[in-house]
Amino acid sequence: GNGAGFTDADYTDAGAAIVETAPEVFET
């Protein structure tokens, strides 16, 4: 979300998990 002005913290505050890579997103 950085390019749109949203930080990782904004997403964790919303209850989302953060992973480092795209394969981790696609795999799960």
mmCIF file of all heavy atoms, coordinates in Angstrom:
data_MODEL
# 
_entry.id   MODEL 
# 
loop_
_atom_site.group_PDB 
_atom_site.id 
_atom_site.type_symbol 
_atom_site.label_atom_id 
_atom_site.label_alt_id 
_atom_site.label_comp_id 
_atom_site.label_asym_id 
_atom_site.label_entity_id 
_atom_site.label_seq_id 
_atom_site.pdbx_PDB_ins_code 
_atom_site.Cartn_x 
_atom_site.Cartn_y 
_atom_site.Cartn_z 
_atom_site.occupancy 
_atom_site.B_iso_or_equiv 
_atom_site.pdbx_formal_charge 
_atom_site.auth_seq_id 
_atom_site.auth_comp_id 
_atom_site.auth_asym_id 
_atom_site.auth_atom_id 
_atom_site.pdbx_PDB_model_num 
ATOM 1   N N   . GLY A 1 1  ? 0.785  -1.236  0.000  1.00 0.00 ? 1  GLY A N   1 
ATOM 2   C CA  . GLY A 1 1  ? 0.000  0.000   0.000  1.00 0.00 ? 1  GLY A CA  1 
ATOM 3   C C   . GLY A 1 1  ? 0.806  1.270   0.000  1.00 0.00 ? 1  GLY A C   1 
ATOM 4   O O   . GLY A 1 1  ? 0.226  2.368   -0.022 1.00 0.00 ? 1  GLY A O   1 
ATOM 5   N N   . ASN A 1 2  ? 2.132  1.152   -0.004 1.00 0.00 ? 2  ASN A N   1 
ATOM 6   C CA  . ASN A 1 2  ? 2.966  2.351   0.140  1.00 0.00 ? 2  ASN A CA  1 
ATOM 7   C C   . ASN A 1 2  ? 2.701  3.397   -0.935 1.00 0.00 ? 2  ASN A C   1 
ATOM 8   O O   . ASN A 1 2  ? 2.644  4.595   -0.655 1.00 0.00 ? 2  ASN A O   1 
ATOM 9   C CB  . ASN A 1 2  ? 4.452  1.967   0.105  1.00 0.00 ? 2  ASN A CB  1 
ATOM 10  C CG  . ASN A 1 2  ? 4.912  1.275   1.377  1.00 0.00 ? 2  ASN A CG  1 
ATOM 11  O OD1 . ASN A 1 2  ? 4.172  1.204   2.362  1.00 0.00 ? 2  ASN A OD1 1 
ATOM 12  N ND2 . ASN A 1 2  ? 6.123  0.749   1.358  1.00 0.00 ? 2  ASN A ND2 1 
ATOM 13  N N   . GLY A 1 3  ? 2.544  2.948   -2.174 1.00 0.00 ? 3  GLY A N   1 
ATOM 14  C CA  . GLY A 1 3  ? 2.356  3.893   -3.272 1.00 0.00 ? 3  GLY A CA  1 
ATOM 15  C C   . GLY A 1 3  ? 1.073  4.687   -3.161 1.00 0.00 ? 3  GLY A C   1 
ATOM 16  O O   . GLY A 1 3  ? 0.965  5.799   -3.702 1.00 0.00 ? 3  GLY A O   1 
ATOM 17  N N   . ALA A 1 4  ? 0.094  4.147   -2.455 1.00 0.00 ? 4  ALA A N   1 
ATOM 18  C CA  . ALA A 1 4  ? -1.187 4.832   -2.252 1.00 0.00 ? 4  ALA A CA  1 
ATOM 19  C C   . ALA A 1 4  ? -1.258 5.515   -0.889 1.00 0.00 ? 4  ALA A C   1 
ATOM 20  O O   . ALA A 1 4  ? -2.312 6.030   -0.506 1.00 0.00 ? 4  ALA A O   1 
ATOM 21  C CB  . ALA A 1 4  ? -2.339 3.844   -2.404 1.00 0.00 ? 4  ALA A CB  1 
ATOM 22  N N   . GLY A 1 5  ? -0.143 5.484   -0.159 1.00 0.00 ? 5  GLY A N   1 
ATOM 23  C CA  . GLY A 1 5  ? -0.101 6.173   1.123  1.00 0.00 ? 5  GLY A CA  1 
ATOM 24  C C   . GLY A 1 5  ? -0.590 5.349   2.296  1.00 0.00 ? 5  GLY A C   1 
ATOM 25  O O   . GLY A 1 5  ? -0.886 5.899   3.365  1.00 0.00 ? 5  GLY A O   1 
ATOM 26  N N   . PHE A 1 6  ? -0.662 4.015   2.147  1.00 0.00 ? 6  PHE A N   1 
ATOM 27  C CA  . PHE A 1 6  ? -1.073 3.136   3.236  1.00 0.00 ? 6  PHE A CA  1 
ATOM 28  C C   . PHE A 1 6  ? 0.136  2.340   3.715  1.00 0.00 ? 6  PHE A C   1 
ATOM 29  O O   . PHE A 1 6  ? 0.838  1.711   2.913  1.00 0.00 ? 6  PHE A O   1 
ATOM 30  C CB  . PHE A 1 6  ? -2.169 2.173   2.779  1.00 0.00 ? 6  PHE A CB  1 
ATOM 31  C CG  . PHE A 1 6  ? -3.423 2.861   2.297  1.00 0.00 ? 6  PHE A CG  1 
ATOM 32  C CD1 . PHE A 1 6  ? -3.876 2.683   0.994  1.00 0.00 ? 6  PHE A CD1 1 
ATOM 33  C CD2 . PHE A 1 6  ? -4.150 3.681   3.135  1.00 0.00 ? 6  PHE A CD2 1 
ATOM 34  C CE1 . PHE A 1 6  ? -5.025 3.307   0.544  1.00 0.00 ? 6  PHE A CE1 1 
ATOM 35  C CE2 . PHE A 1 6  ? -5.302 4.319   2.695  1.00 0.00 ? 6  PHE A CE2 1 
ATOM 36  C CZ  . PHE A 1 6  ? -5.740 4.131   1.398  1.00 0.00 ? 6  PHE A CZ  1 
ATOM 37  N N   . THR A 1 7  ? 0.378  2.334   5.021  1.00 0.00 ? 7  THR A N   1 
ATOM 38  C CA  . THR A 1 7  ? 1.518  1.625   5.589  1.00 0.00 ? 7  THR A CA  1 
ATOM 39  C C   . THR A 1 7  ? 1.130  0.213   6.006  1.00 0.00 ? 7  THR A C   1 
ATOM 40  O O   . THR A 1 7  ? -0.060 -0.114  6.148  1.00 0.00 ? 7  THR A O   1 
ATOM 41  C CB  . THR A 1 7  ? 2.059  2.369   6.817  1.00 0.00 ? 7  THR A CB  1 
ATOM 42  O OG1 . THR A 1 7  ? 1.062  2.327   7.871  1.00 0.00 ? 7  THR A OG1 1 
ATOM 43  C CG2 . THR A 1 7  ? 2.382  3.824   6.483  1.00 0.00 ? 7  THR A CG2 1 
ATOM 44  N N   . ASP A 1 8  ? 2.154  -0.613  6.237  1.00 0.00 ? 8  ASP A N   1 
ATOM 45  C CA  . ASP A 1 8  ? 1.886  -1.955  6.765  1.00 0.00 ? 8  ASP A CA  1 
ATOM 46  C C   . ASP A 1 8  ? 1.132  -1.869  8.076  1.00 0.00 ? 8  ASP A C   1 
ATOM 47  O O   . ASP A 1 8  ? 0.253  -2.700  8.370  1.00 0.00 ? 8  ASP A O   1 
ATOM 48  C CB  . ASP A 1 8  ? 3.200  -2.718  6.962  1.00 0.00 ? 8  ASP A CB  1 
ATOM 49  C CG  . ASP A 1 8  ? 3.844  -3.156  5.653  1.00 0.00 ? 8  ASP A CG  1 
ATOM 50  O OD1 . ASP A 1 8  ? 3.214  -3.005  4.593  1.00 0.00 ? 8  ASP A OD1 1 
ATOM 51  O OD2 . ASP A 1 8  ? 4.994  -3.651  5.700  1.00 0.00 ? 8  ASP A OD2 1 
ATOM 52  N N   . ALA A 1 9  ? 1.456  -0.874  8.887  1.00 0.00 ? 9  ALA A N   1 
ATOM 53  C CA  . ALA A 1 9  ? 0.772  -0.711  10.177 1.00 0.00 ? 9  ALA A CA  1 
ATOM 54  C C   . ALA A 1 9  ? -0.721 -0.444  9.989  1.00 0.00 ? 9  ALA A C   1 
ATOM 55  O O   . ALA A 1 9  ? -1.547 -0.888  10.802 1.00 0.00 ? 9  ALA A O   1 
ATOM 56  C CB  . ALA A 1 9  ? 1.420  0.427   10.960 1.00 0.00 ? 9  ALA A CB  1 
ATOM 57  N N   . ASP A 1 10 ? -1.079 0.279   8.931  1.00 0.00 ? 10 ASP A N   1 
ATOM 58  C CA  . ASP A 1 10 ? -2.505 0.516   8.653  1.00 0.00 ? 10 ASP A CA  1 
ATOM 59  C C   . ASP A 1 10 ? -3.232 -0.811  8.441  1.00 0.00 ? 10 ASP A C   1 
ATOM 60  O O   . ASP A 1 10 ? -4.389 -0.972  8.866  1.00 0.00 ? 10 ASP A O   1 
ATOM 61  C CB  . ASP A 1 10 ? -2.671 1.389   7.411  1.00 0.00 ? 10 ASP A CB  1 
ATOM 62  C CG  . ASP A 1 10 ? -2.183 2.816   7.614  1.00 0.00 ? 10 ASP A CG  1 
ATOM 63  O OD1 . ASP A 1 10 ? -2.260 3.315   8.747  1.00 0.00 ? 10 ASP A OD1 1 
ATOM 64  O OD2 . ASP A 1 10 ? -1.710 3.423   6.627  1.00 0.00 ? 10 ASP A OD2 1 
ATOM 65  N N   . TYR A 1 11 ? -2.551 -1.745  7.789  1.00 0.00 ? 11 TYR A N   1 
ATOM 66  C CA  . TYR A 1 11 ? -3.181 -3.039  7.514  1.00 0.00 ? 11 TYR A CA  1 
ATOM 67  C C   . TYR A 1 11 ? -3.194 -3.942  8.748  1.00 0.00 ? 11 TYR A C   1 
ATOM 68  O O   . TYR A 1 11 ? -4.173 -4.646  8.999  1.00 0.00 ? 11 TYR A O   1 
ATOM 69  C CB  . TYR A 1 11 ? -2.475 -3.727  6.342  1.00 0.00 ? 11 TYR A CB  1 
ATOM 70  C CG  . TYR A 1 11 ? -2.768 -3.068  5.008  1.00 0.00 ? 11 TYR A CG  1 
ATOM 71  C CD1 . TYR A 1 11 ? -1.848 -2.211  4.411  1.00 0.00 ? 11 TYR A CD1 1 
ATOM 72  C CD2 . TYR A 1 11 ? -3.982 -3.281  4.363  1.00 0.00 ? 11 TYR A CD2 1 
ATOM 73  C CE1 . TYR A 1 11 ? -2.126 -1.592  3.198  1.00 0.00 ? 11 TYR A CE1 1 
ATOM 74  C CE2 . TYR A 1 11 ? -4.266 -2.665  3.152  1.00 0.00 ? 11 TYR A CE2 1 
ATOM 75  C CZ  . TYR A 1 11 ? -3.341 -1.816  2.577  1.00 0.00 ? 11 TYR A CZ  1 
ATOM 76  O OH  . TYR A 1 11 ? -3.622 -1.200  1.385  1.00 0.00 ? 11 TYR A OH  1 
ATOM 77  N N   . THR A 1 12 ? -2.124 -3.934  9.512  1.00 0.00 ? 12 THR A N   1 
ATOM 78  C CA  . THR A 1 12 ? -2.125 -4.766  10.732 1.00 0.00 ? 12 THR A CA  1 
ATOM 79  C C   . THR A 1 12 ? -3.163 -4.232  11.713 1.00 0.00 ? 12 THR A C   1 
ATOM 80  O O   . THR A 1 12 ? -3.818 -5.016  12.412 1.00 0.00 ? 12 THR A O   1 
ATOM 81  C CB  . THR A 1 12 ? -0.735 -4.811  11.372 1.00 0.00 ? 12 THR A CB  1 
ATOM 82  O OG1 . THR A 1 12 ? -0.267 -3.484  11.639 1.00 0.00 ? 12 THR A OG1 1 
ATOM 83  C CG2 . THR A 1 12 ? 0.258  -5.515  10.458 1.00 0.00 ? 12 THR A CG2 1 
ATOM 84  N N   . ASP A 1 13 ? -3.336 -2.907  11.771 1.00 0.00 ? 13 ASP A N   1 
ATOM 85  C CA  . ASP A 1 13 ? -4.384 -2.339  12.631 1.00 0.00 ? 13 ASP A CA  1 
ATOM 86  C C   . ASP A 1 13 ? -5.767 -2.789  12.184 1.00 0.00 ? 13 ASP A C   1 
ATOM 87  O O   . ASP A 1 13 ? -6.698 -2.865  12.998 1.00 0.00 ? 13 ASP A O   1 
ATOM 88  C CB  . ASP A 1 13 ? -4.318 -0.811  12.610 1.00 0.00 ? 13 ASP A CB  1 
ATOM 89  C CG  . ASP A 1 13 ? -3.102 -0.254  13.340 1.00 0.00 ? 13 ASP A CG  1 
ATOM 90  O OD1 . ASP A 1 13 ? -2.453 -1.021  14.077 1.00 0.00 ? 13 ASP A OD1 1 
ATOM 91  O OD2 . ASP A 1 13 ? -2.796 0.947   13.147 1.00 0.00 ? 13 ASP A OD2 1 
ATOM 92  N N   . ALA A 1 14 ? -5.898 -3.084  10.877 1.00 0.00 ? 14 ALA A N   1 
ATOM 93  C CA  . ALA A 1 14 ? -7.180 -3.553  10.342 1.00 0.00 ? 14 ALA A CA  1 
ATOM 94  C C   . ALA A 1 14 ? -7.364 -5.058  10.517 1.00 0.00 ? 14 ALA A C   1 
ATOM 95  O O   . ALA A 1 14 ? -8.415 -5.596  10.155 1.00 0.00 ? 14 ALA A O   1 
ATOM 96  C CB  . ALA A 1 14 ? -7.288 -3.192  8.864  1.00 0.00 ? 14 ALA A CB  1 
ATOM 97  N N   . GLY A 1 15 ? -6.333 -5.735  11.032 1.00 0.00 ? 15 GLY A N   1 
ATOM 98  C CA  . GLY A 1 15 ? -6.439 -7.170  11.282 1.00 0.00 ? 15 GLY A CA  1 
ATOM 99  C C   . GLY A 1 15 ? -5.791 -8.052  10.245 1.00 0.00 ? 15 GLY A C   1 
ATOM 100 O O   . GLY A 1 15 ? -5.922 -9.281  10.303 1.00 0.00 ? 15 GLY A O   1 
ATOM 101 N N   . ALA A 1 16 ? -5.083 -7.453  9.283  1.00 0.00 ? 16 ALA A N   1 
ATOM 102 C CA  . ALA A 1 16 ? -4.427 -8.246  8.245  1.00 0.00 ? 16 ALA A CA  1 
ATOM 103 C C   . ALA A 1 16 ? -3.054 -8.708  8.700  1.00 0.00 ? 16 ALA A C   1 
ATOM 104 O O   . ALA A 1 16 ? -2.421 -8.096  9.567  1.00 0.00 ? 16 ALA A O   1 
ATOM 105 C CB  . ALA A 1 16 ? -4.294 -7.415  6.966  1.00 0.00 ? 16 ALA A CB  1 
ATOM 106 N N   . ALA A 1 17 ? -2.595 -9.804  8.109  1.00 0.00 ? 17 ALA A N   1 
ATOM 107 C CA  . ALA A 1 17 ? -1.237 -10.286 8.314  1.00 0.00 ? 17 ALA A CA  1 
ATOM 108 C C   . ALA A 1 17 ? -0.336 -9.731  7.217  1.00 0.00 ? 17 ALA A C   1 
ATOM 109 O O   . ALA A 1 17 ? -0.797 -9.459  6.103  1.00 0.00 ? 17 ALA A O   1 
ATOM 110 C CB  . ALA A 1 17 ? -1.210 -11.807 8.305  1.00 0.00 ? 17 ALA A CB  1 
ATOM 111 N N   . ILE A 1 18 ? 0.940  -9.563  7.516  1.00 0.00 ? 18 ILE A N   1 
ATOM 112 C CA  . ILE A 1 18 ? 1.912  -9.043  6.561  1.00 0.00 ? 18 ILE A CA  1 
ATOM 113 C C   . ILE A 1 18 ? 2.966  -10.109 6.280  1.00 0.00 ? 18 ILE A C   1 
ATOM 114 O O   . ILE A 1 18 ? 3.513  -10.711 7.211  1.00 0.00 ? 18 ILE A O   1 
ATOM 115 C CB  . ILE A 1 18 ? 2.614  -7.772  7.090  1.00 0.00 ? 18 ILE A CB  1 
ATOM 116 C CG1 . ILE A 1 18 ? 1.589  -6.695  7.466  1.00 0.00 ? 18 ILE A CG1 1 
ATOM 117 C CG2 . ILE A 1 18 ? 3.612  -7.244  6.062  1.00 0.00 ? 18 ILE A CG2 1 
ATOM 118 C CD1 . ILE A 1 18 ? 0.818  -6.122  6.301  1.00 0.00 ? 18 ILE A CD1 1 
ATOM 119 N N   . VAL A 1 19 ? 3.240  -10.366 4.995  1.00 0.00 ? 19 VAL A N   1 
ATOM 120 C CA  . VAL A 1 19 ? 4.325  -11.262 4.597  1.00 0.00 ? 19 VAL A CA  1 
ATOM 121 C C   . VAL A 1 19 ? 5.250  -10.495 3.664  1.00 0.00 ? 19 VAL A C   1 
ATOM 122 O O   . VAL A 1 19 ? 4.879  -9.470  3.100  1.00 0.00 ? 19 VAL A O   1 
ATOM 123 C CB  . VAL A 1 19 ? 3.808  -12.550 3.917  1.00 0.00 ? 19 VAL A CB  1 
ATOM 124 C CG1 . VAL A 1 19 ? 2.956  -13.365 4.880  1.00 0.00 ? 19 VAL A CG1 1 
ATOM 125 C CG2 . VAL A 1 19 ? 3.018  -12.218 2.651  1.00 0.00 ? 19 VAL A CG2 1 
ATOM 126 N N   . GLU A 1 20 ? 6.450  -11.007 3.501  1.00 0.00 ? 20 GLU A N   1 
ATOM 127 C CA  . GLU A 1 20 ? 7.466  -10.260 2.774  1.00 0.00 ? 20 GLU A CA  1 
ATOM 128 C C   . GLU A 1 20 ? 7.365  -10.387 1.255  1.00 0.00 ? 20 GLU A C   1 
ATOM 129 O O   . GLU A 1 20 ? 7.653  -9.450  0.522  1.00 0.00 ? 20 GLU A O   1 
ATOM 130 C CB  . GLU A 1 20 ? 8.872  -10.691 3.225  1.00 0.00 ? 20 GLU A CB  1 
ATOM 131 C CG  . GLU A 1 20 ? 9.225  -10.220 4.625  1.00 0.00 ? 20 GLU A CG  1 
ATOM 132 C CD  . GLU A 1 20 ? 9.221  -8.694  4.752  1.00 0.00 ? 20 GLU A CD  1 
ATOM 133 O OE1 . GLU A 1 20 ? 9.721  -8.020  3.823  1.00 0.00 ? 20 GLU A OE1 1 
ATOM 134 O OE2 . GLU A 1 20 ? 8.709  -8.194  5.762  1.00 0.00 ? 20 GLU A OE2 1 
ATOM 135 N N   . THR A 1 21 ? 6.975  -11.556 0.759  1.00 0.00 ? 21 THR A N   1 
ATOM 136 C CA  . THR A 1 21 ? 7.099  -11.811 -0.674 1.00 0.00 ? 21 THR A CA  1 
ATOM 137 C C   . THR A 1 21 ? 5.766  -12.163 -1.323 1.00 0.00 ? 21 THR A C   1 
ATOM 138 O O   . THR A 1 21 ? 4.842  -12.658 -0.660 1.00 0.00 ? 21 THR A O   1 
ATOM 139 C CB  . THR A 1 21 ? 8.084  -12.957 -0.941 1.00 0.00 ? 21 THR A CB  1 
ATOM 140 O OG1 . THR A 1 21 ? 7.524  -14.176 -0.435 1.00 0.00 ? 21 THR A OG1 1 
ATOM 141 C CG2 . THR A 1 21 ? 9.426  -12.685 -0.279 1.00 0.00 ? 21 THR A CG2 1 
ATOM 142 N N   . ALA A 1 22 ? 5.706  -11.962 -2.641 1.00 0.00 ? 22 ALA A N   1 
ATOM 143 C CA  . ALA A 1 22 ? 4.508  -12.322 -3.400 1.00 0.00 ? 22 ALA A CA  1 
ATOM 144 C C   . ALA A 1 22 ? 4.239  -13.824 -3.374 1.00 0.00 ? 22 ALA A C   1 
ATOM 145 O O   . ALA A 1 22 ? 3.073  -14.233 -3.224 1.00 0.00 ? 22 ALA A O   1 
ATOM 146 C CB  . ALA A 1 22 ? 4.622  -11.816 -4.841 1.00 0.00 ? 22 ALA A CB  1 
ATOM 147 N N   . PRO A 1 23 ? 5.263  -14.702 -3.520 1.00 0.00 ? 23 PRO A N   1 
ATOM 148 C CA  . PRO A 1 23 ? 4.974  -16.137 -3.454 1.00 0.00 ? 23 PRO A CA  1 
ATOM 149 C C   . PRO A 1 23 ? 4.281  -16.551 -2.170 1.00 0.00 ? 23 PRO A C   1 
ATOM 150 O O   . PRO A 1 23 ? 3.419  -17.445 -2.185 1.00 0.00 ? 23 PRO A O   1 
ATOM 151 C CB  . PRO A 1 23 ? 6.364  -16.779 -3.579 1.00 0.00 ? 23 PRO A CB  1 
ATOM 152 C CG  . PRO A 1 23 ? 7.146  -15.807 -4.400 1.00 0.00 ? 23 PRO A CG  1 
ATOM 153 C CD  . PRO A 1 23 ? 6.666  -14.455 -3.947 1.00 0.00 ? 23 PRO A CD  1 
ATOM 154 N N   . GLU A 1 24 ? 4.609  -15.895 -1.065 1.00 0.00 ? 24 GLU A N   1 
ATOM 155 C CA  . GLU A 1 24 ? 3.932  -16.226 0.200  1.00 0.00 ? 24 GLU A CA  1 
ATOM 156 C C   . GLU A 1 24 ? 2.448  -15.872 0.133  1.00 0.00 ? 24 GLU A C   1 
ATOM 157 O O   . GLU A 1 24 ? 1.618  -16.549 0.747  1.00 0.00 ? 24 GLU A O   1 
ATOM 158 C CB  . GLU A 1 24 ? 4.592  -15.475 1.354  1.00 0.00 ? 24 GLU A CB  1 
ATOM 159 C CG  . GLU A 1 24 ? 6.001  -15.918 1.681  1.00 0.00 ? 24 GLU A CG  1 
ATOM 160 C CD  . GLU A 1 24 ? 6.645  -15.032 2.734  1.00 0.00 ? 24 GLU A CD  1 
ATOM 161 O OE1 . GLU A 1 24 ? 7.244  -14.001 2.343  1.00 0.00 ? 24 GLU A OE1 1 
ATOM 162 O OE2 . GLU A 1 24 ? 6.532  -15.362 3.926  1.00 0.00 ? 24 GLU A OE2 1 
ATOM 163 N N   . VAL A 1 25 ? 2.124  -14.817 -0.588 1.00 0.00 ? 25 VAL A N   1 
ATOM 164 C CA  . VAL A 1 25 ? 0.720  -14.436 -0.745 1.00 0.00 ? 25 VAL A CA  1 
ATOM 165 C C   . VAL A 1 25 ? 0.005  -15.447 -1.645 1.00 0.00 ? 25 VAL A C   1 
ATOM 166 O O   . VAL A 1 25 ? -1.064 -15.972 -1.298 1.00 0.00 ? 25 VAL A O   1 
ATOM 167 C CB  . VAL A 1 25 ? 0.599  -13.014 -1.341 1.00 0.00 ? 25 VAL A CB  1 
ATOM 168 C CG1 . VAL A 1 25 ? -0.874 -12.672 -1.614 1.00 0.00 ? 25 VAL A CG1 1 
ATOM 169 C CG2 . VAL A 1 25 ? 1.229  -11.985 -0.414 1.00 0.00 ? 25 VAL A CG2 1 
ATOM 170 N N   . PHE A 1 26 ? 0.586  -15.735 -2.800 1.00 0.00 ? 26 PHE A N   1 
ATOM 171 C CA  . PHE A 1 26 ? -0.051 -16.613 -3.777 1.00 0.00 ? 26 PHE A CA  1 
ATOM 172 C C   . PHE A 1 26 ? -0.179 -18.050 -3.259 1.00 0.00 ? 26 PHE A C   1 
ATOM 173 O O   . PHE A 1 26 ? -1.163 -18.737 -3.553 1.00 0.00 ? 26 PHE A O   1 
ATOM 174 C CB  . PHE A 1 26 ? 0.730  -16.599 -5.091 1.00 0.00 ? 26 PHE A CB  1 
ATOM 175 C CG  . PHE A 1 26 ? 0.441  -15.419 -5.973 1.00 0.00 ? 26 PHE A CG  1 
ATOM 176 C CD1 . PHE A 1 26 ? 1.091  -14.205 -5.767 1.00 0.00 ? 26 PHE A CD1 1 
ATOM 177 C CD2 . PHE A 1 26 ? -0.482 -15.505 -6.997 1.00 0.00 ? 26 PHE A CD2 1 
ATOM 178 C CE1 . PHE A 1 26 ? 0.832  -13.111 -6.576 1.00 0.00 ? 26 PHE A CE1 1 
ATOM 179 C CE2 . PHE A 1 26 ? -0.750 -14.417 -7.818 1.00 0.00 ? 26 PHE A CE2 1 
ATOM 180 C CZ  . PHE A 1 26 ? -0.097 -13.206 -7.596 1.00 0.00 ? 26 PHE A CZ  1 
ATOM 181 N N   . GLU A 1 27 ? 0.802  -18.513 -2.492 1.00 0.00 ? 27 GLU A N   1 
ATOM 182 C CA  . GLU A 1 27 ? 0.788  -19.906 -2.025 1.00 0.00 ? 27 GLU A CA  1 
ATOM 183 C C   . GLU A 1 27 ? -0.343 -20.185 -1.048 1.00 0.00 ? 27 GLU A C   1 
ATOM 184 O O   . GLU A 1 27 ? -0.867 -21.302 -1.000 1.00 0.00 ? 27 GLU A O   1 
ATOM 185 C CB  . GLU A 1 27 ? 2.129  -20.236 -1.351 1.00 0.00 ? 27 GLU A CB  1 
ATOM 186 C CG  . GLU A 1 27 ? 3.283  -20.412 -2.325 1.00 0.00 ? 27 GLU A CG  1 
ATOM 187 C CD  . GLU A 1 27 ? 4.624  -20.444 -1.612 1.00 0.00 ? 27 GLU A CD  1 
ATOM 188 O OE1 . GLU A 1 27 ? 4.634  -20.466 -0.348 1.00 0.00 ? 27 GLU A OE1 1 
ATOM 189 O OE2 . GLU A 1 27 ? 5.671  -20.419 -2.296 1.00 0.00 ? 27 GLU A OE2 1 
ATOM 190 N N   . THR A 1 28 ? -0.726 -19.191 -0.253 1.00 0.00 ? 28 THR A N   1 
ATOM 191 C CA  . THR A 1 28 ? -1.679 -19.449 0.833  1.00 0.00 ? 28 THR A CA  1 
ATOM 192 C C   . THR A 1 28 ? -3.091 -18.953 0.560  1.00 0.00 ? 28 THR A C   1 
ATOM 193 O O   . THR A 1 28 ? -4.043 -19.454 1.160  1.00 0.00 ? 28 THR A O   1 
ATOM 194 C CB  . THR A 1 28 ? -1.175 -18.803 2.130  1.00 0.00 ? 28 THR A CB  1 
ATOM 195 O OG1 . THR A 1 28 ? -0.992 -17.394 1.920  1.00 0.00 ? 28 THR A OG1 1 
ATOM 196 C CG2 . THR A 1 28 ? 0.166  -19.407 2.555  1.00 0.00 ? 28 THR A CG2 1 
# 
